[in-house]
Amino acid sequence: MHALDARFPTYHPTCSPTCLVLVLNPPLLSLVCSNKPVVVIEKARVLLKLKTVEMAAAAAGCSCLLVLMLLLAVLLAAGEELTHPDPLIRMGIVAEKLTHFHVYFHEVPVGAPNATSVLVASQHNAPINPCARTRRNETTFGDLRVFDNALREGPDPASPLIGRARGLGARASVDGSGALTTIEFVFSDYGKYSGSTLATVGHFIRSETVERSIVGGTGELRFARGYMTTDIISSTNFYLVADIHMYFTTAL
């Protein structure tokens, strides 16, 4: 029997009509010669294709397993966020990307000398029926005022001025308990935020801590979104100070 080169399988014309065993990679390919040519190459190609399919299937199985493992990791991470004690993280806001401003709002109320807030429209004490001039309006519902108040670093009126809070407030509650406000915070001396602004809107009630929305910004604060809290820390007929915290994210 003549040896056959397994790398280049061909039929040898001088081989005896006996059983020839061609060894490829398992499984073994047995060829029987009976004085007729045998095309071994074609058989080898068939085995090669089968082996390729087998390897591809194994690779696909590994890929599917990898995808499943990655999906499981993502779901576990999402579950941790949903149960996290920090409400900002539960909302998908990463703490490292969150900006916090702490400023103080200083107002000289309506009627005080050098007032920074003025009443521009009111139905309070006006006749409900102007023609009859009988019963008068006893609420402040509908009152509108405009303000241009100082923003300072601290509660002291002499603390550094960092900007202005300009906007308007309308008594939007029938019982007169609160006002709907729109305020633009203009930062004039606040580090890299000098020249930038924040826009806010929301309902304000003096007697409690309130949250209002931060809905936009300009300059370094473009696309700002978040919220702010306001607490009145001192209030007289001549001066009002509010403690303001702002929490927001931006596109920059």
C-alpha atoms as a PDB file:
ATOM      1  CA  MET A   1       0.000   0.000   0.000  1.00  0.00           C
ATOM      2  CA  HIS A   2       1.294   3.412  -0.924  1.00  0.00           C
ATOM      3  CA  ALA A   3       1.017   6.217   1.593  1.00  0.00           C
ATOM      4  CA  LEU A   4      -1.301   9.077   0.687  1.00  0.00           C
ATOM      5  CA  ASP A   5      -0.517  12.651   1.607  1.00  0.00           C
ATOM      6  CA  ALA A   6      -3.463  13.715   3.801  1.00  0.00           C
ATOM      7  CA  ARG A   7      -2.960  17.353   2.888  1.00  0.00           C
ATOM      8  CA  PHE A   8      -3.378  16.738  -0.867  1.00  0.00           C
ATOM      9  CA  PRO A   9      -5.573  13.638  -1.176  1.00  0.00           C
ATOM     10  CA  THR A  10      -5.556  12.106  -4.706  1.00  0.00           C
ATOM     11  CA  TYR A  11      -6.058   8.656  -6.208  1.00  0.00           C
ATOM     12  CA  HIS A  12      -2.804   6.796  -6.911  1.00  0.00           C
ATOM     13  CA  PRO A  13      -3.125   4.630 -10.103  1.00  0.00           C
ATOM     14  CA  THR A  14      -0.731   1.960  -8.886  1.00  0.00           C
ATOM     15  CA  CYS A  15      -2.506   1.170  -5.664  1.00  0.00           C
ATOM     16  CA  SER A  16      -3.833  -2.323  -5.278  1.00  0.00           C
ATOM     17  CA  PRO A  17      -7.619  -2.876  -5.270  1.00  0.00           C
ATOM     18  CA  THR A  18      -7.707  -3.006  -1.513  1.00  0.00           C
ATOM     19  CA  CYS A  19      -9.238  -0.862   1.167  1.00  0.00           C
ATOM     20  CA  LEU A  20      -7.417   2.443   1.539  1.00  0.00           C
ATOM     21  CA  VAL A  21      -7.889   4.494   4.651  1.00  0.00           C
ATOM     22  CA  LEU A  22      -7.393   8.224   4.236  1.00  0.00           C
ATOM     23  CA  VAL A  23      -6.778   9.882   7.560  1.00  0.00           C
ATOM     24  CA  LEU A  24      -8.136  13.394   7.815  1.00  0.00           C
ATOM     25  CA  ASN A  25      -9.123  15.074  11.035  1.00  0.00           C
ATOM     26  CA  PRO A  26     -11.710  12.920  12.855  1.00  0.00           C
ATOM     27  CA  PRO A  27     -14.028  11.429  11.785  1.00  0.00           C
ATOM     28  CA  LEU A  28     -12.006   9.017   9.565  1.00  0.00           C
ATOM     29  CA  LEU A  29     -12.805   8.767   5.885  1.00  0.00           C
ATOM     30  CA  SER A  30     -12.624   5.214   4.529  1.00  0.00           C
ATOM     31  CA  LEU A  31     -12.374   4.772   0.795  1.00  0.00           C
ATOM     32  CA  VAL A  32     -12.671   1.513  -1.066  1.00  0.00           C
ATOM     33  CA  CYS A  33     -10.807   1.200  -4.375  1.00  0.00           C
ATOM     34  CA  SER A  34     -12.050  -1.414  -6.819  1.00  0.00           C
ATOM     35  CA  ASN A  35      -9.905  -0.654  -9.850  1.00  0.00           C
ATOM     36  CA  LYS A  36     -11.952   2.549 -10.383  1.00  0.00           C
ATOM     37  CA  PRO A  37     -10.804   6.155  -9.787  1.00  0.00           C
ATOM     38  CA  VAL A  38     -12.011   7.660  -6.481  1.00  0.00           C
ATOM     39  CA  VAL A  39     -12.307  11.422  -6.162  1.00  0.00           C
ATOM     40  CA  VAL A  40     -11.023  11.966  -2.664  1.00  0.00           C
ATOM     41  CA  ILE A  41     -10.817  15.751  -2.883  1.00  0.00           C
ATOM     42  CA  GLU A  42     -14.595  16.105  -3.212  1.00  0.00           C
ATOM     43  CA  LYS A  43     -15.124  13.951  -0.131  1.00  0.00           C
ATOM     44  CA  ALA A  44     -12.616  16.061   1.812  1.00  0.00           C
ATOM     45  CA  ARG A  45     -14.456  19.218   0.826  1.00  0.00           C
ATOM     46  CA  VAL A  46     -17.682  17.808   2.241  1.00  0.00           C
ATOM     47  CA  LEU A  47     -15.985  17.044   5.541  1.00  0.00           C
ATOM     48  CA  LEU A  48     -14.398  20.513   5.592  1.00  0.00           C
ATOM     49  CA  LYS A  49     -17.784  22.170   5.093  1.00  0.00           C
ATOM     50  CA  LEU A  50     -19.290  20.102   7.905  1.00  0.00           C
ATOM     51  CA  LYS A  51     -16.420  21.080  10.191  1.00  0.00           C
ATOM     52  CA  THR A  52     -16.860  24.765   9.280  1.00  0.00           C
ATOM     53  CA  VAL A  53     -20.581  24.606  10.078  1.00  0.00           C
ATOM     54  CA  GLU A  54     -19.807  22.934  13.404  1.00  0.00           C
ATOM     55  CA  MET A  55     -17.273  25.635  14.334  1.00  0.00           C
ATOM     56  CA  ALA A  56     -19.657  28.438  13.300  1.00  0.00           C
ATOM     57  CA  ALA A  57     -22.404  26.946  15.458  1.00  0.00           C
ATOM     58  CA  ALA A  58     -20.042  26.798  18.418  1.00  0.00           C
ATOM     59  CA  ALA A  59     -19.001  30.436  17.868  1.00  0.00           C
ATOM     60  CA  ALA A  60     -22.644  31.505  17.623  1.00  0.00           C
ATOM     61  CA  GLY A  61     -23.361  29.728  20.878  1.00  0.00           C
ATOM     62  CA  CYS A  62     -20.532  31.637  22.584  1.00  0.00           C
ATOM     63  CA  SER A  63     -21.818  34.938  21.149  1.00  0.00           C
ATOM     64  CA  CYS A  64     -25.341  34.286  22.425  1.00  0.00           C
ATOM     65  CA  LEU A  65     -23.978  33.448  25.858  1.00  0.00           C
ATOM     66  CA  LEU A  66     -21.943  36.669  25.897  1.00  0.00           C
ATOM     67  CA  VAL A  67     -24.989  38.754  24.910  1.00  0.00           C
ATOM     68  CA  LEU A  68     -27.072  37.123  27.642  1.00  0.00           C
ATOM     69  CA  MET A  69     -24.382  37.844  30.239  1.00  0.00           C
ATOM     70  CA  LEU A  70     -24.163  41.502  29.177  1.00  0.00           C
ATOM     71  CA  LEU A  71     -27.959  41.849  29.257  1.00  0.00           C
ATOM     72  CA  LEU A  72     -28.063  40.360  32.747  1.00  0.00           C
ATOM     73  CA  ALA A  73     -25.395  42.833  33.922  1.00  0.00           C
ATOM     74  CA  VAL A  74     -27.384  45.786  32.517  1.00  0.00           C
ATOM     75  CA  LEU A  75     -30.589  44.606  34.192  1.00  0.00           C
ATOM     76  CA  LEU A  76     -28.821  44.198  37.524  1.00  0.00           C
ATOM     77  CA  ALA A  77     -27.347  47.710  37.257  1.00  0.00           C
ATOM     78  CA  ALA A  78     -30.769  49.156  36.385  1.00  0.00           C
ATOM     79  CA  GLY A  79     -32.280  47.379  39.363  1.00  0.00           C
ATOM     80  CA  GLU A  80     -29.698  48.964  41.666  1.00  0.00           C
ATOM     81  CA  GLU A  81     -30.533  52.430  40.287  1.00  0.00           C
ATOM     82  CA  LEU A  82     -34.280  51.919  40.727  1.00  0.00           C
ATOM     83  CA  THR A  83     -33.822  51.002  44.402  1.00  0.00           C
ATOM     84  CA  HIS A  84     -31.084  53.534  45.202  1.00  0.00           C
ATOM     85  CA  PRO A  85     -31.871  55.751  48.232  1.00  0.00           C
ATOM     86  CA  ASP A  86     -30.820  58.918  46.362  1.00  0.00           C
ATOM     87  CA  PRO A  87     -33.840  60.185  44.355  1.00  0.00           C
ATOM     88  CA  LEU A  88     -31.571  61.868  41.808  1.00  0.00           C
ATOM     89  CA  ILE A  89     -29.873  58.570  40.956  1.00  0.00           C
ATOM     90  CA  ARG A  90     -33.281  56.856  40.782  1.00  0.00           C
ATOM     91  CA  MET A  91     -34.231  59.457  38.170  1.00  0.00           C
ATOM     92  CA  GLY A  92     -31.116  58.601  36.170  1.00  0.00           C
ATOM     93  CA  ILE A  93     -29.173  61.745  37.084  1.00  0.00           C
ATOM     94  CA  VAL A  94     -25.568  60.859  37.859  1.00  0.00           C
ATOM     95  CA  ALA A  95     -24.303  62.718  40.921  1.00  0.00           C
ATOM     96  CA  GLU A  96     -20.999  63.700  39.234  1.00  0.00           C
ATOM     97  CA  LYS A  97     -22.900  65.544  36.490  1.00  0.00           C
ATOM     98  CA  LEU A  98     -25.166  67.444  38.861  1.00  0.00           C
ATOM     99  CA  THR A  99     -24.525  71.156  39.479  1.00  0.00           C
ATOM    100  CA  HIS A 100     -25.540  72.785  42.771  1.00  0.00           C
ATOM    101  CA  PHE A 101     -25.891  76.545  43.317  1.00  0.00           C
ATOM    102  CA  HIS A 102     -26.547  78.034  46.758  1.00  0.00           C
ATOM    103  CA  VAL A 103     -27.540  81.708  46.625  1.00  0.00           C
ATOM    104  CA  TYR A 104     -29.566  84.225  48.626  1.00  0.00           C
ATOM    105  CA  PHE A 105     -32.462  86.260  47.240  1.00  0.00           C
ATOM    106  CA  HIS A 106     -32.715  89.814  48.676  1.00  0.00           C
ATOM    107  CA  GLU A 107     -35.898  91.821  48.078  1.00  0.00           C
ATOM    108  CA  VAL A 108     -37.064  95.259  49.153  1.00  0.00           C
ATOM    109  CA  PRO A 109     -40.857  94.711  49.204  1.00  0.00           C
ATOM    110  CA  VAL A 110     -43.623  96.703  47.575  1.00  0.00           C
ATOM    111  CA  GLY A 111     -44.151 100.047  49.303  1.00  0.00           C
ATOM    112  CA  ALA A 112     -40.758 100.170  51.037  1.00  0.00           C
ATOM    113  CA  PRO A 113     -38.208 102.876  50.166  1.00  0.00           C
ATOM    114  CA  ASN A 114     -36.094 101.899  47.146  1.00  0.00           C
ATOM    115  CA  ALA A 115     -38.394  98.921  46.512  1.00  0.00           C
ATOM    116  CA  THR A 116     -37.112  96.242  44.149  1.00  0.00           C
ATOM    117  CA  SER A 117     -40.639  94.858  43.725  1.00  0.00           C
ATOM    118  CA  VAL A 118     -43.665  96.766  42.420  1.00  0.00           C
ATOM    119  CA  LEU A 119     -47.367  95.972  42.160  1.00  0.00           C
ATOM    120  CA  VAL A 120     -48.428  96.674  38.579  1.00  0.00           C
ATOM    121  CA  ALA A 121     -52.010  95.355  38.619  1.00  0.00           C
ATOM    122  CA  SER A 122     -54.512  94.484  41.334  1.00  0.00           C
ATOM    123  CA  GLN A 123     -58.216  93.949  41.829  1.00  0.00           C
ATOM    124  CA  HIS A 124     -57.869  93.971  45.597  1.00  0.00           C
ATOM    125  CA  ASN A 125     -60.440  96.277  47.192  1.00  0.00           C
ATOM    126  CA  ALA A 126     -61.713  97.213  43.740  1.00  0.00           C
ATOM    127  CA  PRO A 127     -65.492  97.139  43.195  1.00  0.00           C
ATOM    128  CA  ILE A 128     -66.649  93.782  41.889  1.00  0.00           C
ATOM    129  CA  ASN A 129     -69.201  95.660  39.780  1.00  0.00           C
ATOM    130  CA  PRO A 130     -67.630  99.019  38.828  1.00  0.00           C
ATOM    131  CA  CYS A 131     -70.992 100.426  37.784  1.00  0.00           C
ATOM    132  CA  ALA A 132     -72.807  99.553  41.011  1.00  0.00           C
ATOM    133  CA  ARG A 133     -69.762 100.282  43.239  1.00  0.00           C
ATOM    134  CA  THR A 134     -71.103  97.940  45.883  1.00  0.00           C
ATOM    135  CA  ARG A 135     -69.267  94.862  47.181  1.00  0.00           C
ATOM    136  CA  ARG A 136     -65.495  94.992  46.856  1.00  0.00           C
ATOM    137  CA  ASN A 137     -62.991  92.275  46.016  1.00  0.00           C
ATOM    138  CA  GLU A 138     -61.540  90.930  49.265  1.00  0.00           C
ATOM    139  CA  THR A 139     -58.828  88.682  47.808  1.00  0.00           C
ATOM    140  CA  THR A 140     -55.520  89.301  46.060  1.00  0.00           C
ATOM    141  CA  PHE A 141     -56.358  86.814  43.308  1.00  0.00           C
ATOM    142  CA  GLY A 142     -55.126  88.245  40.008  1.00  0.00           C
ATOM    143  CA  ASP A 143     -52.548  90.612  41.511  1.00  0.00           C
ATOM    144  CA  LEU A 144     -49.451  91.004  39.359  1.00  0.00           C
ATOM    145  CA  ARG A 145     -46.082  92.267  40.491  1.00  0.00           C
ATOM    146  CA  VAL A 146     -42.694  92.659  38.837  1.00  0.00           C
ATOM    147  CA  PHE A 147     -39.349  92.474  40.630  1.00  0.00           C
ATOM    148  CA  ASP A 148     -35.636  92.972  40.091  1.00  0.00           C
ATOM    149  CA  ASN A 149     -34.024  91.586  43.234  1.00  0.00           C
ATOM    150  CA  ALA A 150     -30.415  91.152  44.296  1.00  0.00           C
ATOM    151  CA  LEU A 151     -28.690  87.754  44.377  1.00  0.00           C
ATOM    152  CA  ARG A 152     -25.984  87.578  47.026  1.00  0.00           C
ATOM    153  CA  GLU A 153     -23.537  85.007  48.365  1.00  0.00           C
ATOM    154  CA  GLY A 154     -24.964  85.167  51.884  1.00  0.00           C
ATOM    155  CA  PRO A 155     -27.986  86.296  53.909  1.00  0.00           C
ATOM    156  CA  ASP A 156     -26.304  89.526  54.989  1.00  0.00           C
ATOM    157  CA  PRO A 157     -27.410  92.526  52.861  1.00  0.00           C
ATOM    158  CA  ALA A 158     -23.728  93.528  52.680  1.00  0.00           C
ATOM    159  CA  SER A 159     -22.565  90.146  51.300  1.00  0.00           C
ATOM    160  CA  PRO A 160     -21.069  90.124  47.769  1.00  0.00           C
ATOM    161  CA  LEU A 161     -23.515  90.712  44.925  1.00  0.00           C
ATOM    162  CA  ILE A 162     -23.359  87.883  42.376  1.00  0.00           C
ATOM    163  CA  GLY A 163     -26.348  88.680  40.156  1.00  0.00           C
ATOM    164  CA  ARG A 164     -30.015  89.616  39.856  1.00  0.00           C
ATOM    165  CA  ALA A 165     -33.310  87.743  40.029  1.00  0.00           C
ATOM    166  CA  ARG A 166     -35.709  89.335  37.546  1.00  0.00           C
ATOM    167  CA  GLY A 167     -39.249  88.233  36.899  1.00  0.00           C
ATOM    168  CA  LEU A 168     -42.893  88.493  37.760  1.00  0.00           C
ATOM    169  CA  GLY A 169     -45.382  86.853  40.078  1.00  0.00           C
ATOM    170  CA  ALA A 170     -49.126  86.536  39.580  1.00  0.00           C
ATOM    171  CA  ARG A 171     -51.567  85.564  42.323  1.00  0.00           C
ATOM    172  CA  ALA A 172     -52.880  82.446  40.605  1.00  0.00           C
ATOM    173  CA  SER A 173     -54.719  80.950  43.589  1.00  0.00           C
ATOM    174  CA  VAL A 174     -58.347  81.915  44.169  1.00  0.00           C
ATOM    175  CA  ASP A 175     -57.697  82.130  47.906  1.00  0.00           C
ATOM    176  CA  GLY A 176     -54.616  84.304  47.285  1.00  0.00           C
ATOM    177  CA  SER A 177     -52.297  81.904  49.094  1.00  0.00           C
ATOM    178  CA  GLY A 178     -49.670  81.566  46.380  1.00  0.00           C
ATOM    179  CA  ALA A 179     -48.238  83.088  43.244  1.00  0.00           C
ATOM    180  CA  LEU A 180     -47.160  81.661  39.923  1.00  0.00           C
ATOM    181  CA  THR A 181     -43.661  82.989  39.262  1.00  0.00           C
ATOM    182  CA  THR A 182     -41.304  83.141  36.321  1.00  0.00           C
ATOM    183  CA  ILE A 183     -37.779  84.231  37.253  1.00  0.00           C
ATOM    184  CA  GLU A 184     -34.574  84.661  35.289  1.00  0.00           C
ATOM    185  CA  PHE A 185     -31.454  84.425  37.438  1.00  0.00           C
ATOM    186  CA  VAL A 186     -28.748  86.569  35.825  1.00  0.00           C
ATOM    187  CA  PHE A 187     -25.248  85.846  37.150  1.00  0.00           C
ATOM    188  CA  SER A 188     -22.942  88.869  36.813  1.00  0.00           C
ATOM    189  CA  ASP A 189     -20.090  87.920  39.162  1.00  0.00           C
ATOM    190  CA  TYR A 190     -20.155  84.169  39.719  1.00  0.00           C
ATOM    191  CA  GLY A 191     -16.903  82.691  38.436  1.00  0.00           C
ATOM    192  CA  LYS A 192     -17.135  80.919  35.103  1.00  0.00           C
ATOM    193  CA  TYR A 193     -20.926  81.354  35.182  1.00  0.00           C
ATOM    194  CA  SER A 194     -20.685  85.150  34.928  1.00  0.00           C
ATOM    195  CA  GLY A 195     -22.871  86.268  32.026  1.00  0.00           C
ATOM    196  CA  SER A 196     -24.950  83.063  32.139  1.00  0.00           C
ATOM    197  CA  THR A 197     -28.598  82.777  33.159  1.00  0.00           C
ATOM    198  CA  LEU A 198     -31.071  80.242  34.545  1.00  0.00           C
ATOM    199  CA  ALA A 199     -34.815  80.313  33.837  1.00  0.00           C
ATOM    200  CA  THR A 200     -37.288  79.030  36.441  1.00  0.00           C
ATOM    201  CA  VAL A 201     -41.048  78.682  36.736  1.00  0.00           C
ATOM    202  CA  GLY A 202     -43.393  77.425  39.430  1.00  0.00           C
ATOM    203  CA  HIS A 203     -45.846  78.129  42.230  1.00  0.00           C
ATOM    204  CA  PHE A 204     -44.577  79.981  45.291  1.00  0.00           C
ATOM    205  CA  ILE A 205     -46.100  79.914  48.794  1.00  0.00           C
ATOM    206  CA  ARG A 206     -44.380  82.005  51.465  1.00  0.00           C
ATOM    207  CA  SER A 207     -45.290  79.800  54.422  1.00  0.00           C
ATOM    208  CA  GLU A 208     -43.416  76.658  53.342  1.00  0.00           C
ATOM    209  CA  THR A 209     -40.395  75.283  51.506  1.00  0.00           C
ATOM    210  CA  VAL A 210     -41.320  75.160  47.843  1.00  0.00           C
ATOM    211  CA  GLU A 211     -39.822  73.550  44.759  1.00  0.00           C
ATOM    212  CA  ARG A 212     -39.862  75.197  41.364  1.00  0.00           C
ATOM    213  CA  SER A 213     -38.630  73.945  38.009  1.00  0.00           C
ATOM    214  CA  ILE A 214     -35.426  74.998  36.285  1.00  0.00           C
ATOM    215  CA  VAL A 215     -36.444  74.926  32.636  1.00  0.00           C
ATOM    216  CA  GLY A 216     -33.473  76.339  30.750  1.00  0.00           C
ATOM    217  CA  GLY A 217     -30.395  78.517  30.685  1.00  0.00           C
ATOM    218  CA  THR A 218     -27.916  80.431  28.555  1.00  0.00           C
ATOM    219  CA  GLY A 219     -24.133  80.677  28.256  1.00  0.00           C
ATOM    220  CA  GLU A 220     -22.405  78.066  30.400  1.00  0.00           C
ATOM    221  CA  LEU A 221     -25.843  76.913  31.570  1.00  0.00           C
ATOM    222  CA  ARG A 222     -27.435  76.071  28.208  1.00  0.00           C
ATOM    223  CA  PHE A 223     -30.126  73.364  28.286  1.00  0.00           C
ATOM    224  CA  ALA A 224     -30.210  73.425  32.105  1.00  0.00           C
ATOM    225  CA  ARG A 225     -32.951  71.305  33.676  1.00  0.00           C
ATOM    226  CA  GLY A 226     -33.653  70.569  37.300  1.00  0.00           C
ATOM    227  CA  TYR A 227     -35.293  72.194  40.288  1.00  0.00           C
ATOM    228  CA  MET A 228     -34.733  74.750  43.015  1.00  0.00           C
ATOM    229  CA  THR A 229     -35.924  75.047  46.602  1.00  0.00           C
ATOM    230  CA  THR A 230     -36.801  78.306  48.348  1.00  0.00           C
ATOM    231  CA  ASP A 231     -37.048  79.073  52.083  1.00  0.00           C
ATOM    232  CA  ILE A 232     -37.900  82.498  53.491  1.00  0.00           C
ATOM    233  CA  ILE A 233     -35.401  82.999  56.332  1.00  0.00           C
ATOM    234  CA  SER A 234     -36.314  86.587  57.249  1.00  0.00           C
ATOM    235  CA  SER A 235     -39.139  88.927  56.276  1.00  0.00           C
ATOM    236  CA  THR A 236     -40.164  92.419  57.382  1.00  0.00           C
ATOM    237  CA  ASN A 237     -42.076  95.274  55.784  1.00  0.00           C
ATOM    238  CA  PHE A 238     -38.762  96.623  54.526  1.00  0.00           C
ATOM    239  CA  TYR A 239     -36.617  93.602  53.636  1.00  0.00           C
ATOM    240  CA  LEU A 240     -36.966  89.941  52.703  1.00  0.00           C
ATOM    241  CA  VAL A 241     -34.261  87.268  52.408  1.00  0.00           C
ATOM    242  CA  ALA A 242     -34.776  83.825  50.871  1.00  0.00           C
ATOM    243  CA  ASP A 243     -32.393  80.860  50.920  1.00  0.00           C
ATOM    244  CA  ILE A 244     -32.238  79.234  47.462  1.00  0.00           C
ATOM    245  CA  HIS A 245     -30.695  75.901  46.432  1.00  0.00           C
ATOM    246  CA  MET A 246     -30.544  74.946  42.745  1.00  0.00           C
ATOM    247  CA  TYR A 247     -29.905  71.423  41.444  1.00  0.00           C
ATOM    248  CA  PHE A 248     -29.614  70.915  37.706  1.00  0.00           C
ATOM    249  CA  THR A 249     -27.784  69.322  34.802  1.00  0.00           C
ATOM    250  CA  THR A 250     -26.651  71.013  31.591  1.00  0.00           C
ATOM    251  CA  ALA A 251     -25.590  70.022  28.084  1.00  0.00           C
ATOM    252  CA  LEU A 252     -22.017  71.246  28.617  1.00  0.00           C
END
